[in-house]
Each structure stands twice: as C-alpha cells, then as structure tokens.
Amino acid sequence: MSRRIASDAEVEPRIGGRYSYGWTYEYGGRSVAGGPTRILDLVPNERLVTDWPDWRGDPTRPTTRVAWLLEPLGRKTRVTVVHGDFARTADISDYPFGWPGFLSQLKAHLEGRAL
C-alpha cells in the first residue's frame, strides 16, 4: 500500500488489528492522523471493514465505517466501497471528493500504470 495509495501503511490482518494508511496532515493548526485505525471485520478475499475517525481529528464526532467488498467476476474482481454510519447528513458531504481520487490511484496501481 505504501508504494501508491498510502504512506507508511500498517496492517495487522485480524479483527481488532491496526489498519493505517499512515496519513498525517495539518488541520486547524494541529497535526491529524487521518484515515482508518483498526479492522472491525475481515473475511479474506471477500470483505474488509475498518473504522474511519473524523477527518478533522475531532474525537467528539462519531467514527464511521468503511467496507471494502470484493466480488469475483471471472478473471476480474469488482471492488465496492461503502462508507457509512454517518451520524449527521452534513458529515457525508466531506467524503465524495476524496474517494474518487483514492480509488483512481488504487485502480491505476492494480492495472500497473502510474498516475
């Protein structure tokens, strides 16, 4: 993951294990560790569900979930990403801009082409 879609990624492939893209950034004058932190559910070659804390680093906002669902289609695999469990509708508006870019990078990496 660290080569194309993350930086300093950490994965402990078990339920409750650490899962991090290694993202850090500045927001509101402080450093925020962004992205997921742990694995909530894992079925190899079928499903990975992680938590997703508030992107602003606000511990008072509820954590959401991201599910990666894999479906074999002959020699290909369909990947469906579901980001849910938002406490407020307004919080959903923060994420549609990031996921398309992230998934484009992942697709390019899997197809062997650099972006």
PDB file of N, CA and C in Angstrom:
ATOM      1  N   MET A   1       0.811  -1.194   0.000  1.00  0.00           N
ATOM      2  CA  MET A   1       0.000   0.000   0.000  1.00  0.00           C
ATOM      3  C   MET A   1       0.857   1.262   0.000  1.00  0.00           C
ATOM      4  N   SER A   2       1.987   1.217   0.688  1.00  0.00           N
ATOM      5  CA  SER A   2       2.794   2.433   0.818  1.00  0.00           C
ATOM      6  C   SER A   2       3.352   2.919  -0.514  1.00  0.00           C
ATOM      7  N   ARG A   3       3.455   2.047  -1.502  1.00  0.00           N
ATOM      8  CA  ARG A   3       4.027   2.475  -2.784  1.00  0.00           C
ATOM      9  C   ARG A   3       3.127   3.434  -3.543  1.00  0.00           C
ATOM     10  N   ARG A   4       1.812   3.255  -3.500  1.00  0.00           N
ATOM     11  CA  ARG A   4       0.934   4.055  -4.339  1.00  0.00           C
ATOM     12  C   ARG A   4      -0.227   4.732  -3.631  1.00  0.00           C
ATOM     13  N   ILE A   5      -0.831   4.084  -2.670  1.00  0.00           N
ATOM     14  CA  ILE A   5      -2.067   4.637  -2.126  1.00  0.00           C
ATOM     15  C   ILE A   5      -1.963   5.062  -0.668  1.00  0.00           C
ATOM     16  N   ALA A   6      -0.816   4.926  -0.083  1.00  0.00           N
ATOM     17  CA  ALA A   6      -0.650   5.269   1.324  1.00  0.00           C
ATOM     18  C   ALA A   6       0.781   5.740   1.556  1.00  0.00           C
ATOM     19  N   SER A   7       1.077   6.071   2.797  1.00  0.00           N
ATOM     20  CA  SER A   7       2.446   6.394   3.180  1.00  0.00           C
ATOM     21  C   SER A   7       2.665   5.802   4.563  1.00  0.00           C
ATOM     22  N   ASP A   8       3.666   4.979   4.687  1.00  0.00           N
ATOM     23  CA  ASP A   8       3.939   4.313   5.966  1.00  0.00           C
ATOM     24  C   ASP A   8       2.744   3.502   6.465  1.00  0.00           C
ATOM     25  N   ALA A   9       2.139   2.731   5.569  1.00  0.00           N
ATOM     26  CA  ALA A   9       0.972   1.919   5.926  1.00  0.00           C
ATOM     27  C   ALA A   9       1.332   0.867   6.966  1.00  0.00           C
ATOM     28  N   GLU A  10       0.351   0.548   7.811  1.00  0.00           N
ATOM     29  CA  GLU A  10       0.485  -0.515   8.800  1.00  0.00           C
ATOM     30  C   GLU A  10      -0.771  -1.377   8.748  1.00  0.00           C
ATOM     31  N   VAL A  11      -0.589  -2.700   8.673  1.00  0.00           N
ATOM     32  CA  VAL A  11      -1.724  -3.613   8.631  1.00  0.00           C
ATOM     33  C   VAL A  11      -1.440  -4.812   9.526  1.00  0.00           C
ATOM     34  N   GLU A  12      -2.337  -5.059  10.450  1.00  0.00           N
ATOM     35  CA  GLU A  12      -2.334  -6.285  11.254  1.00  0.00           C
ATOM     36  C   GLU A  12      -3.593  -7.038  10.833  1.00  0.00           C
ATOM     37  N   PRO A  13      -3.483  -7.998   9.916  1.00  0.00           N
ATOM     38  CA  PRO A  13      -4.654  -8.604   9.269  1.00  0.00           C
ATOM     39  C   PRO A  13      -5.459  -9.544  10.176  1.00  0.00           C
ATOM     40  N   ARG A  14      -6.170  -8.929  11.128  1.00  0.00           N
ATOM     41  CA  ARG A  14      -7.056  -9.676  12.028  1.00  0.00           C
ATOM     42  C   ARG A  14      -8.088  -8.693  12.567  1.00  0.00           C
ATOM     43  N   ILE A  15      -9.222  -9.187  12.988  1.00  0.00           N
ATOM     44  CA  ILE A  15     -10.228  -8.323  13.582  1.00  0.00           C
ATOM     45  C   ILE A  15      -9.643  -7.705  14.847  1.00  0.00           C
ATOM     46  N   GLY A  16      -9.750  -6.402  14.947  1.00  0.00           N
ATOM     47  CA  GLY A  16      -9.156  -5.656  16.056  1.00  0.00           C
ATOM     48  C   GLY A  16      -7.743  -5.189  15.769  1.00  0.00           C
ATOM     49  N   GLY A  17      -7.156  -5.654  14.659  1.00  0.00           N
ATOM     50  CA  GLY A  17      -5.793  -5.279  14.307  1.00  0.00           C
ATOM     51  C   GLY A  17      -5.693  -3.859  13.794  1.00  0.00           C
ATOM     52  N   ARG A  18      -4.496  -3.332  13.859  1.00  0.00           N
ATOM     53  CA  ARG A  18      -4.239  -1.974  13.374  1.00  0.00           C
ATOM     54  C   ARG A  18      -4.348  -1.937  11.857  1.00  0.00           C
ATOM     55  N   TYR A  19      -4.905  -0.827  11.331  1.00  0.00           N
ATOM     56  CA  TYR A  19      -5.003  -0.623   9.895  1.00  0.00           C
ATOM     57  C   TYR A  19      -4.859   0.870   9.654  1.00  0.00           C
ATOM     58  N   SER A  20      -3.768   1.256   9.050  1.00  0.00           N
ATOM     59  CA  SER A  20      -3.494   2.681   8.855  1.00  0.00           C
ATOM     60  C   SER A  20      -2.827   2.907   7.511  1.00  0.00           C
ATOM     61  N   TYR A  21      -3.232   3.986   6.849  1.00  0.00           N
ATOM     62  CA  TYR A  21      -2.566   4.394   5.611  1.00  0.00           C
ATOM     63  C   TYR A  21      -1.338   5.244   5.914  1.00  0.00           C
ATOM     64  N   GLY A  22      -1.170   5.626   7.169  1.00  0.00           N
ATOM     65  CA  GLY A  22      -0.021   6.440   7.552  1.00  0.00           C
ATOM     66  C   GLY A  22      -0.161   7.900   7.183  1.00  0.00           C
ATOM     67  N   TRP A  23      -1.378   8.331   6.926  1.00  0.00           N
ATOM     68  CA  TRP A  23      -1.611   9.717   6.538  1.00  0.00           C
ATOM     69  C   TRP A  23      -1.548  10.639   7.735  1.00  0.00           C
ATOM     70  N   THR A  24      -0.833  11.730   7.600  1.00  0.00           N
ATOM     71  CA  THR A  24      -0.879  12.814   8.575  1.00  0.00           C
ATOM     72  C   THR A  24      -0.948  14.120   7.799  1.00  0.00           C
ATOM     73  N   TYR A  25      -1.668  15.070   8.352  1.00  0.00           N
ATOM     74  CA  TYR A  25      -1.811  16.371   7.704  1.00  0.00           C
ATOM     75  C   TYR A  25      -2.174  17.403   8.769  1.00  0.00           C
ATOM     76  N   GLU A  26      -2.055  18.645   8.387  1.00  0.00           N
ATOM     77  CA  GLU A  26      -2.389  19.751   9.280  1.00  0.00           C
ATOM     78  C   GLU A  26      -3.837  20.166   9.058  1.00  0.00           C
ATOM     79  N   TYR A  27      -4.556  20.365  10.150  1.00  0.00           N
ATOM     80  CA  TYR A  27      -5.915  20.903  10.079  1.00  0.00           C
ATOM     81  C   TYR A  27      -6.148  21.734  11.332  1.00  0.00           C
ATOM     82  N   GLY A  28      -6.566  22.972  11.144  1.00  0.00           N
ATOM     83  CA  GLY A  28      -6.848  23.840  12.276  1.00  0.00           C
ATOM     84  C   GLY A  28      -5.645  24.084  13.165  1.00  0.00           C
ATOM     85  N   GLY A  29      -4.442  24.083  12.572  1.00  0.00           N
ATOM     86  CA  GLY A  29      -3.236  24.357  13.324  1.00  0.00           C
ATOM     87  C   GLY A  29      -2.676  23.183  14.101  1.00  0.00           C
ATOM     88  N   ARG A  30      -3.187  21.982  13.848  1.00  0.00           N
ATOM     89  CA  ARG A  30      -2.649  20.809  14.550  1.00  0.00           C
ATOM     90  C   ARG A  30      -2.479  19.655  13.580  1.00  0.00           C
ATOM     91  N   SER A  31      -1.649  18.715  13.954  1.00  0.00           N
ATOM     92  CA  SER A  31      -1.398  17.535  13.133  1.00  0.00           C
ATOM     93  C   SER A  31      -2.502  16.503  13.381  1.00  0.00           C
ATOM     94  N   VAL A  32      -3.029  15.956  12.289  1.00  0.00           N
ATOM     95  CA  VAL A  32      -4.100  14.966  12.369  1.00  0.00           C
ATOM     96  C   VAL A  32      -3.626  13.676  11.712  1.00  0.00           C
ATOM     97  N   ALA A  33      -3.855  12.557  12.383  1.00  0.00           N
ATOM     98  CA  ALA A  33      -3.620  11.240  11.784  1.00  0.00           C
ATOM     99  C   ALA A  33      -4.922  10.844  11.108  1.00  0.00           C
ATOM    100  N   GLY A  34      -4.939  10.886   9.779  1.00  0.00           N
ATOM    101  CA  GLY A  34      -6.172  10.643   9.037  1.00  0.00           C
ATOM    102  C   GLY A  34      -6.334   9.203   8.595  1.00  0.00           C
ATOM    103  N   GLY A  35      -7.560   8.890   8.184  1.00  0.00           N
ATOM    104  CA  GLY A  35      -7.854   7.559   7.669  1.00  0.00           C
ATOM    105  C   GLY A  35      -8.187   6.567   8.760  1.00  0.00           C
ATOM    106  N   PRO A  36      -8.265   5.299   8.390  1.00  0.00           N
ATOM    107  CA  PRO A  36      -8.686   4.264   9.338  1.00  0.00           C
ATOM    108  C   PRO A  36      -7.632   3.982  10.404  1.00  0.00           C
ATOM    109  N   THR A  37      -8.075   3.330  11.496  1.00  0.00           N
ATOM    110  CA  THR A  37      -7.143   2.984  12.566  1.00  0.00           C
ATOM    111  C   THR A  37      -7.169   1.502  12.921  1.00  0.00           C
ATOM    112  N   ARG A  38      -8.328   0.818  12.707  1.00  0.00           N
ATOM    113  CA  ARG A  38      -8.373  -0.598  13.077  1.00  0.00           C
ATOM    114  C   ARG A  38      -9.373  -1.366  12.225  1.00  0.00           C
ATOM    115  N   ILE A  39      -9.176  -2.668  12.191  1.00  0.00           N
ATOM    116  CA  ILE A  39     -10.034  -3.576  11.423  1.00  0.00           C
ATOM    117  C   ILE A  39     -11.207  -4.006  12.299  1.00  0.00           C
ATOM    118  N   LEU A  40     -12.412  -3.805  11.789  1.00  0.00           N
ATOM    119  CA  LEU A  40     -13.625  -4.181  12.509  1.00  0.00           C
ATOM    120  C   LEU A  40     -14.155  -5.542  12.073  1.00  0.00           C
ATOM    121  N   ASP A  41     -13.942  -5.884  10.805  1.00  0.00           N
ATOM    122  CA  ASP A  41     -14.389  -7.172  10.270  1.00  0.00           C
ATOM    123  C   ASP A  41     -13.462  -7.544   9.118  1.00  0.00           C
ATOM    124  N   LEU A  42     -13.203  -8.833   8.978  1.00  0.00           N
ATOM    125  CA  LEU A  42     -12.297  -9.298   7.933  1.00  0.00           C
ATOM    126  C   LEU A  42     -12.665 -10.714   7.533  1.00  0.00           C
ATOM    127  N   VAL A  43     -12.947 -10.875   6.237  1.00  0.00           N
ATOM    128  CA  VAL A  43     -13.141 -12.191   5.630  1.00  0.00           C
ATOM    129  C   VAL A  43     -12.224 -12.185   4.414  1.00  0.00           C
ATOM    130  N   PRO A  44     -11.091 -12.900   4.465  1.00  0.00           N
ATOM    131  CA  PRO A  44     -10.130 -12.853   3.360  1.00  0.00           C
ATOM    132  C   PRO A  44     -10.794 -13.080   2.006  1.00  0.00           C
ATOM    133  N   ASN A  45     -10.399 -12.255   1.055  1.00  0.00           N
ATOM    134  CA  ASN A  45     -10.879 -12.310  -0.330  1.00  0.00           C
ATOM    135  C   ASN A  45     -12.365 -12.010  -0.483  1.00  0.00           C
ATOM    136  N   GLU A  46     -13.005 -11.494   0.567  1.00  0.00           N
ATOM    137  CA  GLU A  46     -14.421 -11.135   0.491  1.00  0.00           C
ATOM    138  C   GLU A  46     -14.719  -9.745   1.040  1.00  0.00           C
ATOM    139  N   ARG A  47     -14.204  -9.452   2.248  1.00  0.00           N
ATOM    140  CA  ARG A  47     -14.643  -8.232   2.925  1.00  0.00           C
ATOM    141  C   ARG A  47     -13.584  -7.742   3.914  1.00  0.00           C
ATOM    142  N   LEU A  48     -13.415  -6.419   3.921  1.00  0.00           N
ATOM    143  CA  LEU A  48     -12.594  -5.743   4.920  1.00  0.00           C
ATOM    144  C   LEU A  48     -13.400  -4.537   5.390  1.00  0.00           C
ATOM    145  N   VAL A  49     -13.619  -4.433   6.703  1.00  0.00           N
ATOM    146  CA  VAL A  49     -14.335  -3.294   7.266  1.00  0.00           C
ATOM    147  C   VAL A  49     -13.425  -2.635   8.289  1.00  0.00           C
ATOM    148  N   THR A  50     -13.239  -1.326   8.133  1.00  0.00           N
ATOM    149  CA  THR A  50     -12.403  -0.565   9.057  1.00  0.00           C
ATOM    150  C   THR A  50     -13.206   0.577   9.663  1.00  0.00           C
ATOM    151  N   ASP A  51     -12.703   1.093  10.761  1.00  0.00           N
ATOM    152  CA  ASP A  51     -13.275   2.326  11.297  1.00  0.00           C
ATOM    153  C   ASP A  51     -12.744   3.486  10.467  1.00  0.00           C
ATOM    154  N   TRP A  52     -13.331   4.653  10.637  1.00  0.00           N
ATOM    155  CA  TRP A  52     -12.843   5.860   9.975  1.00  0.00           C
ATOM    156  C   TRP A  52     -13.172   7.047  10.876  1.00  0.00           C
ATOM    157  N   PRO A  53     -12.235   7.423  11.751  1.00  0.00           N
ATOM    158  CA  PRO A  53     -12.464   8.573  12.627  1.00  0.00           C
ATOM    159  C   PRO A  53     -12.642   9.866  11.822  1.00  0.00           C
ATOM    160  N   ASP A  54     -13.195  10.860  12.467  1.00  0.00           N
ATOM    161  CA  ASP A  54     -13.429  12.158  11.836  1.00  0.00           C
ATOM    162  C   ASP A  54     -12.153  12.682  11.182  1.00  0.00           C
ATOM    163  N   TRP A  55     -12.244  13.131   9.943  1.00  0.00           N
ATOM    164  CA  TRP A  55     -11.066  13.570   9.193  1.00  0.00           C
ATOM    165  C   TRP A  55     -10.429  14.822   9.783  1.00  0.00           C
ATOM    166  N   ARG A  56     -11.188  15.559  10.580  1.00  0.00           N
ATOM    167  CA  ARG A  56     -10.638  16.755  11.213  1.00  0.00           C
ATOM    168  C   ARG A  56      -9.859  16.424  12.484  1.00  0.00           C
ATOM    169  N   GLY A  57      -9.948  15.162  12.914  1.00  0.00           N
ATOM    170  CA  GLY A  57      -9.297  14.756  14.145  1.00  0.00           C
ATOM    171  C   GLY A  57     -10.091  15.132  15.378  1.00  0.00           C
ATOM    172  N   ASP A  58     -11.391  15.368  15.201  1.00  0.00           N
ATOM    173  CA  ASP A  58     -12.257  15.770  16.315  1.00  0.00           C
ATOM    174  C   ASP A  58     -12.786  14.516  17.011  1.00  0.00           C
ATOM    175  N   PRO A  59     -12.291  14.207  18.215  1.00  0.00           N
ATOM    176  CA  PRO A  59     -12.711  12.982  18.912  1.00  0.00           C
ATOM    177  C   PRO A  59     -14.166  13.020  19.379  1.00  0.00           C
ATOM    178  N   THR A  60     -14.814  14.189  19.329  1.00  0.00           N
ATOM    179  CA  THR A  60     -16.213  14.264  19.746  1.00  0.00           C
ATOM    180  C   THR A  60     -17.165  13.842  18.629  1.00  0.00           C
ATOM    181  N   ARG A  61     -16.660  13.737  17.413  1.00  0.00           N
ATOM    182  CA  ARG A  61     -17.515  13.298  16.294  1.00  0.00           C
ATOM    183  C   ARG A  61     -17.476  11.783  16.195  1.00  0.00           C
ATOM    184  N   PRO A  62     -18.614  11.169  15.918  1.00  0.00           N
ATOM    185  CA  PRO A  62     -18.659   9.699  15.847  1.00  0.00           C
ATOM    186  C   PRO A  62     -17.787   9.142  14.722  1.00  0.00           C
ATOM    187  N   THR A  63     -17.254   7.966  14.960  1.00  0.00           N
ATOM    188  CA  THR A  63     -16.462   7.253  13.967  1.00  0.00           C
ATOM    189  C   THR A  63     -17.406   6.601  12.959  1.00  0.00           C
ATOM    190  N   THR A  64     -17.022   6.646  11.686  1.00  0.00           N
ATOM    191  CA  THR A  64     -17.784   5.981  10.641  1.00  0.00           C
ATOM    192  C   THR A  64     -17.097   4.669  10.286  1.00  0.00           C
ATOM    193  N   ARG A  65     -17.676   3.946   9.323  1.00  0.00           N
ATOM    194  CA  ARG A  65     -17.112   2.660   8.879  1.00  0.00           C
ATOM    195  C   ARG A  65     -16.915   2.687   7.372  1.00  0.00           C
ATOM    196  N   VAL A  66     -15.863   2.003   6.939  1.00  0.00           N
ATOM    197  CA  VAL A  66     -15.624   1.817   5.508  1.00  0.00           C
ATOM    198  C   VAL A  66     -15.528   0.318   5.246  1.00  0.00           C
ATOM    199  N   ALA A  67     -16.376  -0.154   4.338  1.00  0.00           N
ATOM    200  CA  ALA A  67     -16.367  -1.570   3.958  1.00  0.00           C
ATOM    201  C   ALA A  67     -15.850  -1.703   2.539  1.00  0.00           C
ATOM    202  N   TRP A  68     -14.879  -2.591   2.361  1.00  0.00           N
ATOM    203  CA  TRP A  68     -14.348  -2.957   1.052  1.00  0.00           C
ATOM    204  C   TRP A  68     -14.899  -4.344   0.751  1.00  0.00           C
ATOM    205  N   LEU A  69     -15.731  -4.444  -0.263  1.00  0.00           N
ATOM    206  CA  LEU A  69     -16.368  -5.706  -0.621  1.00  0.00           C
ATOM    207  C   LEU A  69     -15.802  -6.183  -1.951  1.00  0.00           C
ATOM    208  N   LEU A  70     -15.345  -7.420  -1.994  1.00  0.00           N
ATOM    209  CA  LEU A  70     -14.744  -7.990  -3.198  1.00  0.00           C
ATOM    210  C   LEU A  70     -15.666  -9.058  -3.764  1.00  0.00           C
ATOM    211  N   GLU A  71     -15.915  -8.960  -5.066  1.00  0.00           N
ATOM    212  CA  GLU A  71     -16.787  -9.927  -5.744  1.00  0.00           C
ATOM    213  C   GLU A  71     -16.078 -10.450  -6.992  1.00  0.00           C
ATOM    214  N   PRO A  72     -15.783 -11.754  -7.045  1.00  0.00           N
ATOM    215  CA  PRO A  72     -15.123 -12.293  -8.239  1.00  0.00           C
ATOM    216  C   PRO A  72     -16.049 -12.237  -9.446  1.00  0.00           C
ATOM    217  N   LEU A  73     -15.482 -11.809 -10.565  1.00  0.00           N
ATOM    218  CA  LEU A  73     -16.210 -11.759 -11.838  1.00  0.00           C
ATOM    219  C   LEU A  73     -15.324 -12.382 -12.906  1.00  0.00           C
ATOM    220  N   GLY A  74     -15.311 -13.694 -12.969  1.00  0.00           N
ATOM    221  CA  GLY A  74     -14.417 -14.379 -13.904  1.00  0.00           C
ATOM    222  C   GLY A  74     -12.976 -14.130 -13.512  1.00  0.00           C
ATOM    223  N   ARG A  75     -12.206 -13.533 -14.435  1.00  0.00           N
ATOM    224  CA  ARG A  75     -10.787 -13.238 -14.152  1.00  0.00           C
ATOM    225  C   ARG A  75     -10.593 -11.859 -13.522  1.00  0.00           C
ATOM    226  N   LYS A  76     -11.689 -11.192 -13.223  1.00  0.00           N
ATOM    227  CA  LYS A  76     -11.626  -9.854 -12.636  1.00  0.00           C
ATOM    228  C   LYS A  76     -12.285  -9.880 -11.260  1.00  0.00           C
ATOM    229  N   THR A  77     -12.157  -8.776 -10.557  1.00  0.00           N
ATOM    230  CA  THR A  77     -12.795  -8.622  -9.255  1.00  0.00           C
ATOM    231  C   THR A  77     -13.467  -7.259  -9.192  1.00  0.00           C
ATOM    232  N   ARG A  78     -14.722  -7.262  -8.796  1.00  0.00           N
ATOM    233  CA  ARG A  78     -15.426  -5.998  -8.563  1.00  0.00           C
ATOM    234  C   ARG A  78     -15.143  -5.579  -7.124  1.00  0.00           C
ATOM    235  N   VAL A  79     -14.739  -4.328  -6.959  1.00  0.00           N
ATOM    236  CA  VAL A  79     -14.480  -3.763  -5.635  1.00  0.00           C
ATOM    237  C   VAL A  79     -15.561  -2.715  -5.376  1.00  0.00           C
ATOM    238  N   THR A  80     -16.288  -2.905  -4.299  1.00  0.00           N
ATOM    239  CA  THR A  80     -17.302  -1.938  -3.888  1.00  0.00           C
ATOM    240  C   THR A  80     -16.873  -1.359  -2.551  1.00  0.00           C
ATOM    241  N   VAL A  81     -16.866  -0.039  -2.469  1.00  0.00           N
ATOM    242  CA  VAL A  81     -16.508   0.642  -1.227  1.00  0.00           C
ATOM    243  C   VAL A  81     -17.762   1.321  -0.692  1.00  0.00           C
ATOM    244  N   VAL A  82     -18.083   1.027   0.564  1.00  0.00           N
ATOM    245  CA  VAL A  82     -19.245   1.629   1.216  1.00  0.00           C
ATOM    246  C   VAL A  82     -18.754   2.360   2.460  1.00  0.00           C
ATOM    247  N   HIS A  83     -18.923   3.672   2.466  1.00  0.00           N
ATOM    248  CA  HIS A  83     -18.549   4.483   3.622  1.00  0.00           C
ATOM    249  C   HIS A  83     -19.857   4.895   4.284  1.00  0.00           C
ATOM    250  N   GLY A  84     -20.106   4.381   5.486  1.00  0.00           N
ATOM    251  CA  GLY A  84     -21.391   4.620   6.124  1.00  0.00           C
ATOM    252  C   GLY A  84     -21.304   4.870   7.615  1.00  0.00           C
ATOM    253  N   ASP A  85     -22.459   4.789   8.238  1.00  0.00           N
ATOM    254  CA  ASP A  85     -22.647   5.033   9.667  1.00  0.00           C
ATOM    255  C   ASP A  85     -22.401   6.487  10.040  1.00  0.00           C
ATOM    256  N   PHE A  86     -22.806   7.392   9.152  1.00  0.00           N
ATOM    257  CA  PHE A  86     -22.672   8.816   9.461  1.00  0.00           C
ATOM    258  C   PHE A  86     -23.769   9.235  10.431  1.00  0.00           C
ATOM    259  N   ALA A  87     -23.389   9.936  11.482  1.00  0.00           N
ATOM    260  CA  ALA A  87     -24.352  10.388  12.481  1.00  0.00           C
ATOM    261  C   ALA A  87     -25.181  11.563  11.967  1.00  0.00           C
ATOM    262  N   ARG A  88     -24.557  12.383  11.131  1.00  0.00           N
ATOM    263  CA  ARG A  88     -25.258  13.555  10.592  1.00  0.00           C
ATOM    264  C   ARG A  88     -25.109  13.575   9.080  1.00  0.00           C
ATOM    265  N   THR A  89     -26.159  13.926   8.393  1.00  0.00           N
ATOM    266  CA  THR A  89     -26.120  14.003   6.931  1.00  0.00           C
ATOM    267  C   THR A  89     -25.034  14.974   6.472  1.00  0.00           C
ATOM    268  N   ALA A  90     -24.832  16.046   7.200  1.00  0.00           N
ATOM    269  CA  ALA A  90     -23.826  17.047   6.819  1.00  0.00           C
ATOM    270  C   ALA A  90     -22.422  16.444   6.742  1.00  0.00           C
ATOM    271  N   ASP A  91     -22.129  15.434   7.562  1.00  0.00           N
ATOM    272  CA  ASP A  91     -20.797  14.831   7.554  1.00  0.00           C
ATOM    273  C   ASP A  91     -20.506  14.073   6.265  1.00  0.00           C
ATOM    274  N   ILE A  92     -21.531  13.595   5.597  1.00  0.00           N
ATOM    275  CA  ILE A  92     -21.342  12.854   4.346  1.00  0.00           C
ATOM    276  C   ILE A  92     -20.704  13.733   3.282  1.00  0.00           C
ATOM    277  N   SER A  93     -21.015  15.018   3.294  1.00  0.00           N
ATOM    278  CA  SER A  93     -20.540  15.922   2.243  1.00  0.00           C
ATOM    279  C   SER A  93     -19.026  16.064   2.216  1.00  0.00           C
ATOM    280  N   ASP A  94     -18.341  15.673   3.270  1.00  0.00           N
ATOM    281  CA  ASP A  94     -16.888  15.804   3.305  1.00  0.00           C
ATOM    282  C   ASP A  94     -16.158  14.740   2.484  1.00  0.00           C
ATOM    283  N   TYR A  95     -16.801  13.632   2.177  1.00  0.00           N
ATOM    284  CA  TYR A  95     -16.088  12.482   1.632  1.00  0.00           C
ATOM    285  C   TYR A  95     -16.182  12.231   0.124  1.00  0.00           C
ATOM    286  N   PRO A  96     -17.203  12.695  -0.585  1.00  0.00           N
ATOM    287  CA  PRO A  96     -17.255  12.382  -2.021  1.00  0.00           C
ATOM    288  C   PRO A  96     -16.075  12.908  -2.832  1.00  0.00           C
ATOM    289  N   PHE A  97     -15.357  13.884  -2.316  1.00  0.00           N
ATOM    290  CA  PHE A  97     -14.230  14.437  -3.057  1.00  0.00           C
ATOM    291  C   PHE A  97     -12.983  13.582  -2.915  1.00  0.00           C
ATOM    292  N   GLY A  98     -12.793  12.943  -1.793  1.00  0.00           N
ATOM    293  CA  GLY A  98     -11.593  12.148  -1.563  1.00  0.00           C
ATOM    294  C   GLY A  98     -11.641  10.757  -2.155  1.00  0.00           C
ATOM    295  N   TRP A  99     -12.788  10.081  -2.055  1.00  0.00           N
ATOM    296  CA  TRP A  99     -12.856   8.692  -2.512  1.00  0.00           C
ATOM    297  C   TRP A  99     -12.592   8.511  -4.002  1.00  0.00           C
ATOM    298  N   PRO A 100     -13.119   9.343  -4.903  1.00  0.00           N
ATOM    299  CA  PRO A 100     -12.811   9.125  -6.331  1.00  0.00           C
ATOM    300  C   PRO A 100     -11.317   9.170  -6.636  1.00  0.00           C
ATOM    301  N   GLY A 101     -10.602  10.116  -6.054  1.00  0.00           N
ATOM    302  CA  GLY A 101      -9.157  10.194  -6.285  1.00  0.00           C
ATOM    303  C   GLY A 101      -8.422   9.001  -5.713  1.00  0.00           C
ATOM    304  N   PHE A 102      -8.801   8.594  -4.522  1.00  0.00           N
ATOM    305  CA  PHE A 102      -8.176   7.444  -3.873  1.00  0.00           C
ATOM    306  C   PHE A 102      -8.407   6.180  -4.695  1.00  0.00           C
ATOM    307  N   LEU A 103      -9.638   5.976  -5.142  1.00  0.00           N
ATOM    308  CA  LEU A 103      -9.952   4.780  -5.931  1.00  0.00           C
ATOM    309  C   LEU A 103      -9.301   4.813  -7.312  1.00  0.00           C
ATOM    310  N   SER A 104      -9.136   5.988  -7.886  1.00  0.00           N
ATOM    311  CA  SER A 104      -8.415   6.104  -9.164  1.00  0.00           C
ATOM    312  C   SER A 104      -6.956   5.695  -9.005  1.00  0.00           C
ATOM    313  N   GLN A 105      -6.341   6.110  -7.901  1.00  0.00           N
ATOM    314  CA  GLN A 105      -4.953   5.714  -7.632  1.00  0.00           C
ATOM    315  C   GLN A 105      -4.853   4.209  -7.438  1.00  0.00           C
ATOM    316  N   LEU A 106      -5.778   3.632  -6.710  1.00  0.00           N
ATOM    317  CA  LEU A 106      -5.780   2.191  -6.485  1.00  0.00           C
ATOM    318  C   LEU A 106      -5.949   1.445  -7.810  1.00  0.00           C
ATOM    319  N   LYS A 107      -6.889   1.880  -8.632  1.00  0.00           N
ATOM    320  CA  LYS A 107      -7.132   1.235  -9.930  1.00  0.00           C
ATOM    321  C   LYS A 107      -5.880   1.304 -10.810  1.00  0.00           C
ATOM    322  N   ALA A 108      -5.257   2.470 -10.884  1.00  0.00           N
ATOM    323  CA  ALA A 108      -4.047   2.623 -11.695  1.00  0.00           C
ATOM    324  C   ALA A 108      -2.941   1.703 -11.197  1.00  0.00           C
ATOM    325  N   HIS A 109      -2.791   1.591  -9.893  1.00  0.00           N
ATOM    326  CA  HIS A 109      -1.780   0.720  -9.319  1.00  0.00           C
ATOM    327  C   HIS A 109      -2.054  -0.743  -9.677  1.00  0.00           C
ATOM    328  N   LEU A 110      -3.298  -1.162  -9.530  1.00  0.00           N
ATOM    329  CA  LEU A 110      -3.651  -2.541  -9.818  1.00  0.00           C
ATOM    330  C   LEU A 110      -3.520  -2.889 -11.294  1.00  0.00           C
ATOM    331  N   GLU A 111      -3.718  -1.899 -12.144  1.00  0.00           N
ATOM    332  CA  GLU A 111      -3.576  -2.109 -13.591  1.00  0.00           C
ATOM    333  C   GLU A 111      -2.142  -1.919 -14.056  1.00  0.00           C
ATOM    334  N   GLY A 112      -1.238  -1.591 -13.139  1.00  0.00           N
ATOM    335  CA  GLY A 112       0.172  -1.475 -13.486  1.00  0.00           C
ATOM    336  C   GLY A 112       0.536  -0.183 -14.174  1.00  0.00           C
ATOM    337  N   ARG A 113      -0.250   0.859 -13.986  1.00  0.00           N
ATOM    338  CA  ARG A 113       0.087   2.149 -14.578  1.00  0.00           C
ATOM    339  C   ARG A 113       0.152   3.197 -13.475  1.00  0.00           C
ATOM    340  N   ALA A 114       1.039   4.117 -13.625  1.00  0.00           N
ATOM    341  CA  ALA A 114       1.228   5.173 -12.617  1.00  0.00           C
ATOM    342  C   ALA A 114       0.370   6.361 -12.965  1.00  0.00           C
ATOM    343  N   LEU A 115      -0.114   7.056 -11.957  1.00  0.00           N
ATOM    344  CA  LEU A 115      -0.852   8.317 -12.174  1.00  0.00           C
ATOM    345  C   LEU A 115       0.075   9.482 -12.011  1.00  0.00           C
TER     346      LEU A 115
END
